[in-house]
Every structure is written in C-alpha cells, then in structure tokens.
Amino acid sequence: MAYRAAMVAAFAAILIWSFSYPVARVGLRHFDPFHLSGLRLVAAALALSVIALPRRVGLPERGDRLRVVTAGLIGMTFYLAILYVGLQVVEAASAAILIALTPIFVALLSGPMIGERLTAWGWSGLLLASAGAALVILGQAGGLDLGLSSLLLLVAALAHALYNVMVKSLVARYSPLQVASWSMWVGAVTSLPLLVRAPDQVASAPWDALLSFIYLGVCGSALGFVLWGRAMVGAPAAVVSSALYATPPLSAFIGWLLLDERPTIWVVMGGVVVLGAVTMVIRRGVAPAIEGS
C-alpha cells in the first residue's frame, strides 16, 4: 500500500510539472531566465512558509545542514536557472525529454550514494522509456537540437538527479514538508542576488506572465516537491524518478493546447512506449533487497 501511494504521489507531481514546461515558456516571454527562476523560488518559499511555520518544522540536525544547503543550491537555484536558460530556445516537449533523462542519472547515482539498485527489468524499462522519449523529441517539428541550450538542459537533468538522491536520504529522517521547505528557503535566499531588477519586470508584466511564476512557485515547486518527497518515502529513488518519463508526452500535449506546438504521430507513439516502459519499471524494477525495506 505504501508503495502504491508513493507512485500515486509521484504521478501527481509529474502531472503538475508537465504543465510547468509550457507555463515557463509563457513566463520567459516577459521575464529573463534568472528572474523567472528566482521569482518561482520566492513564491514557493512563501507558500510553504504559510504551512510549515505554524507547524514548527524547525531546522535540520547539525550534521544534515550541509546536505540540505547543497540540495537547495543544486536542486533549486542552479537547476531552475539552467533549465530556464535552455527553455528560452528549446521547445517545451524537447526540454521535457532532456530533463526526463534524470532517471538514468538517478539510477547510476543511487547505487554508490544510497545503496539502491534496480533489477535487469528496471534497467530495461529505463532504456525502453528513453527510446520512447526519443520518439517524442524526434517527432517534434524541429527535431533534436544538440546545441548549447540542449547541453545546458542535460546539466540541469544531472543537477535534478543529484537532488533526488540527496532528498531520498533526507526523507528517511525528516518529513517531505520539512525537506521541501528547507530546499525552497535555501533556493529563495540564494536567488535574491538574481532579482535586483525583478521589481521592474513584475510591475510591467502582463497577467499571463504573473500567473506563470505564481503557478510555477505554488504548484510546480511548493506542492510538486512535497508530493515528490512523499513518493521518495515509499519507493526507491530510481523507480520514483522513472515517472519523469511521462513528462515529455504530457508536456507535448499541453504545449499543443497552450502554445500551439502540435505533436506528431511519433510523439503519440513515443508516449505509448513510455507508458509501457514506466509500468515495467514500477512493477518489476525493484531489487529484492529494496523491495523488502
């Protein structure tokens, strides 16, 4: 039951994040990448403070504080800034596929860092999901652009993977709300130097740009990462991260609705492959030693 609840939480977060890519593209029409990432983190930190402070979440134990700060810097400040620089050029679905490579990085890092390993079925599912995600991106009108923006998104995927692995170890001792709150607070504080000119941009922003960073902060970061932390409590990091493969087809569909980035038949086929592959990872990808934990 805990495993099933974890995967429900993971897919709820994925649904929220699938909207985040096209919504961020809307925000980037007005805000520069660093302002949008900083505003998102400030909005998330404020939203979580409303919930966390009355509950007296407190601070992490002294021995965990460096890990928490590192997680916030890598998984929030650095990840979002690099992601949005890449999103300025790369289509929403293309960005989603590059970020969806995160599960591969998580699977590679989980063994040496936290002792979690996938079965052969799990690795096969990840590779098949990668192939499905590739169909999604190759089915886009522009195909796969291996320029600087795409390389930046790959770096963002690695940063996101590192955050996932660090969060997995933290939620073993703290609640998902605590971990998400600390991460957002670190991200918001360290992003403040990037927001020197943000008030002018906010004052002149159209309503859709304002709604974009509010959605990204309150839903994408605050709610999304609390749900993601909840998922990490009940399932291995690599299995939870495999749900990220559902992001490209969902983002392609949402990008079509919001941005007129129309998916092709290859995108649809890739989405079907991804769905089957992720199901394989969830059902048969957990190593016996982990399954019993």
Foldseek 3Di string as FASTA:
>chain_A
DLLVLLLVLLLVLLLLVLLLLLLLLVLCVQDPQLLLLLLLLVLQLVLLCVVDVVVCQDDDDPVCNVLLLLLLVLQRQLLSSLLSVLSPPDPSLLLLLLLLCLLVLLQVPCCVQPNFHWDPLQVVLSVLLNVLSQLQQCQFPVHHDPDPSSVSSNSSSNSNSVSLNSLLVVCVPGALSSSLNSSSVSNNVVSVVVCPPVVVSVVPDDPSSVVSSNSCRHPNRNSSSNSNSSSSVRDPSSLSSLSSSLSSLSSQVSCCVPVVRHGDVSSVSSNVSSVVSSVSCSPRTGDPVRVVD
